[in-house]
Amino acid sequence: MHETTIYNRLPVLRAERGLSRQELARGLAINYQTIGYLERGEYNPSLELAFRISDYFGLPIEAIFSRQPFKPLSEEIYALQQRKEEKKYAR
């Protein structure tokens, strides 16, 4: 069976909240090494773990995990702002 790479924003989310891998692992009741494996893409989370991570951060799963690489958040925010400006001037 072919395994798909699952990309994630765990390092960004940890940094935003000032969490170490150990702190996040304690909050999720998993081994801290699992966080490292997830962040490096060496391990795909189970569905149950993905939901726990989603609940922990208060974000939808698709905001944390994706089958395609994430664009940098700054690029996404900039694109959103550009679209708003274009709509404003299109009126």
C-alpha atoms as a PDB file:
ATOM      1  CA  MET A   1       0.000   0.000   0.000  1.00  0.00           C
ATOM      2  CA  HIS A   2       1.336   3.443  -0.952  1.00  0.00           C
ATOM      3  CA  GLU A   3       1.694   5.811   1.992  1.00  0.00           C
ATOM      4  CA  THR A   4       0.909   9.475   1.376  1.00  0.00           C
ATOM      5  CA  THR A   5       3.002  12.181   2.992  1.00  0.00           C
ATOM      6  CA  ILE A   6       0.976  14.227   5.429  1.00  0.00           C
ATOM      7  CA  TYR A   7       2.263  17.779   5.860  1.00  0.00           C
ATOM      8  CA  ASN A   8       1.598  19.685   9.056  1.00  0.00           C
ATOM      9  CA  ARG A   9       1.948  23.022  10.786  1.00  0.00           C
ATOM     10  CA  LEU A  10       2.885  21.628  14.179  1.00  0.00           C
ATOM     11  CA  PRO A  11       6.207  23.502  14.470  1.00  0.00           C
ATOM     12  CA  VAL A  12       4.471  26.803  13.657  1.00  0.00           C
ATOM     13  CA  LEU A  13       1.640  26.145  16.092  1.00  0.00           C
ATOM     14  CA  ARG A  14       4.076  25.179  18.841  1.00  0.00           C
ATOM     15  CA  ALA A  15       6.158  28.303  18.230  1.00  0.00           C
ATOM     16  CA  GLU A  16       3.097  30.574  18.254  1.00  0.00           C
ATOM     17  CA  ARG A  17       2.131  29.183  21.642  1.00  0.00           C
ATOM     18  CA  GLY A  18       5.646  28.939  23.057  1.00  0.00           C
ATOM     19  CA  LEU A  19       5.398  25.174  23.528  1.00  0.00           C
ATOM     20  CA  SER A  20       8.262  22.710  23.579  1.00  0.00           C
ATOM     21  CA  ARG A  21       7.823  19.264  22.055  1.00  0.00           C
ATOM     22  CA  GLN A  22       7.705  17.862  25.580  1.00  0.00           C
ATOM     23  CA  GLU A  23       4.921  20.238  26.641  1.00  0.00           C
ATOM     24  CA  LEU A  24       2.823  19.445  23.581  1.00  0.00           C
ATOM     25  CA  ALA A  25       3.412  15.720  24.061  1.00  0.00           C
ATOM     26  CA  ARG A  26       2.284  15.962  27.701  1.00  0.00           C
ATOM     27  CA  GLY A  27      -0.849  17.835  26.611  1.00  0.00           C
ATOM     28  CA  LEU A  28      -1.633  15.093  24.093  1.00  0.00           C
ATOM     29  CA  ALA A  29      -0.594  12.205  26.373  1.00  0.00           C
ATOM     30  CA  ILE A  30       1.960  10.886  23.853  1.00  0.00           C
ATOM     31  CA  ASN A  31       5.734  10.453  23.790  1.00  0.00           C
ATOM     32  CA  TYR A  32       7.624  13.663  22.942  1.00  0.00           C
ATOM     33  CA  GLN A  33       9.559  11.795  20.243  1.00  0.00           C
ATOM     34  CA  THR A  34       6.279  11.276  18.392  1.00  0.00           C
ATOM     35  CA  ILE A  35       5.991  15.058  18.039  1.00  0.00           C
ATOM     36  CA  GLY A  36       9.397  15.138  16.362  1.00  0.00           C
ATOM     37  CA  TYR A  37       8.448  12.303  14.013  1.00  0.00           C
ATOM     38  CA  LEU A  38       5.222  14.094  13.098  1.00  0.00           C
ATOM     39  CA  GLU A  39       6.944  17.430  12.516  1.00  0.00           C
ATOM     40  CA  ARG A  40       9.572  15.876  10.268  1.00  0.00           C
ATOM     41  CA  GLY A  41       6.949  13.938   8.297  1.00  0.00           C
ATOM     42  CA  GLU A  42       8.427  10.593   9.368  1.00  0.00           C
ATOM     43  CA  TYR A  43       5.126   9.501  10.909  1.00  0.00           C
ATOM     44  CA  ASN A  44       1.516  10.136   9.919  1.00  0.00           C
ATOM     45  CA  PRO A  45      -0.895  10.599  12.808  1.00  0.00           C
ATOM     46  CA  SER A  46      -3.763   8.228  13.375  1.00  0.00           C
ATOM     47  CA  LEU A  47      -7.169   9.768  12.852  1.00  0.00           C
ATOM     48  CA  GLU A  48      -7.703   9.702  16.615  1.00  0.00           C
ATOM     49  CA  LEU A  49      -4.419  11.553  17.242  1.00  0.00           C
ATOM     50  CA  ALA A  50      -5.196  14.091  14.505  1.00  0.00           C
ATOM     51  CA  PHE A  51      -8.504  14.862  16.242  1.00  0.00           C
ATOM     52  CA  ARG A  52      -6.755  15.206  19.615  1.00  0.00           C
ATOM     53  CA  ILE A  53      -4.245  17.641  18.102  1.00  0.00           C
ATOM     54  CA  SER A  54      -7.084  19.552  16.461  1.00  0.00           C
ATOM     55  CA  ASP A  55      -8.912  19.811  19.793  1.00  0.00           C
ATOM     56  CA  TYR A  56      -5.721  20.795  21.623  1.00  0.00           C
ATOM     57  CA  PHE A  57      -5.076  23.749  19.308  1.00  0.00           C
ATOM     58  CA  GLY A  58      -8.753  24.577  18.782  1.00  0.00           C
ATOM     59  CA  LEU A  59      -8.350  24.407  15.003  1.00  0.00           C
ATOM     60  CA  PRO A  60      -9.920  22.261  12.289  1.00  0.00           C
ATOM     61  CA  ILE A  61      -7.812  19.289  11.227  1.00  0.00           C
ATOM     62  CA  GLU A  62      -7.344  20.753   7.724  1.00  0.00           C
ATOM     63  CA  ALA A  63      -5.714  23.847   9.248  1.00  0.00           C
ATOM     64  CA  ILE A  64      -3.064  21.592  10.808  1.00  0.00           C
ATOM     65  CA  PHE A  65      -2.670  18.704   8.349  1.00  0.00           C
ATOM     66  CA  SER A  66      -2.693  18.518   4.549  1.00  0.00           C
ATOM     67  CA  ARG A  67      -1.731  16.146   1.745  1.00  0.00           C
ATOM     68  CA  GLN A  68      -0.178  19.110  -0.104  1.00  0.00           C
ATOM     69  CA  PRO A  69       2.609  21.281   1.315  1.00  0.00           C
ATOM     70  CA  PHE A  70       1.314  24.355   3.100  1.00  0.00           C
ATOM     71  CA  LYS A  71       2.109  27.788   1.767  1.00  0.00           C
ATOM     72  CA  PRO A  72       3.793  30.022   4.323  1.00  0.00           C
ATOM     73  CA  LEU A  73       1.154  31.729   6.491  1.00  0.00           C
ATOM     74  CA  SER A  74       2.463  35.146   5.463  1.00  0.00           C
ATOM     75  CA  GLU A  75       1.820  34.258   1.808  1.00  0.00           C
ATOM     76  CA  GLU A  76      -1.715  33.091   2.591  1.00  0.00           C
ATOM     77  CA  ILE A  77      -2.496  36.209   4.617  1.00  0.00           C
ATOM     78  CA  TYR A  78      -1.050  38.457   1.919  1.00  0.00           C
ATOM     79  CA  ALA A  79      -3.133  36.710  -0.764  1.00  0.00           C
ATOM     80  CA  LEU A  80      -6.270  37.110   1.369  1.00  0.00           C
ATOM     81  CA  GLN A  81      -5.581  40.818   1.828  1.00  0.00           C
ATOM     82  CA  GLN A  82      -5.004  41.215  -1.902  1.00  0.00           C
ATOM     83  CA  ARG A  83      -8.338  39.565  -2.722  1.00  0.00           C
ATOM     84  CA  LYS A  84     -10.133  41.871  -0.290  1.00  0.00           C
ATOM     85  CA  GLU A  85      -8.523  44.900  -1.907  1.00  0.00           C
ATOM     86  CA  GLU A  86      -9.429  43.689  -5.392  1.00  0.00           C
ATOM     87  CA  LYS A  87     -13.064  43.197  -4.357  1.00  0.00           C
ATOM     88  CA  LYS A  88     -13.145  46.639  -2.779  1.00  0.00           C
ATOM     89  CA  TYR A  89     -11.915  48.319  -5.981  1.00  0.00           C
ATOM     90  CA  ALA A  90     -14.092  46.162  -8.242  1.00  0.00           C
ATOM     91  CA  ARG A  91     -17.249  47.745  -6.819  1.00  0.00           C
END
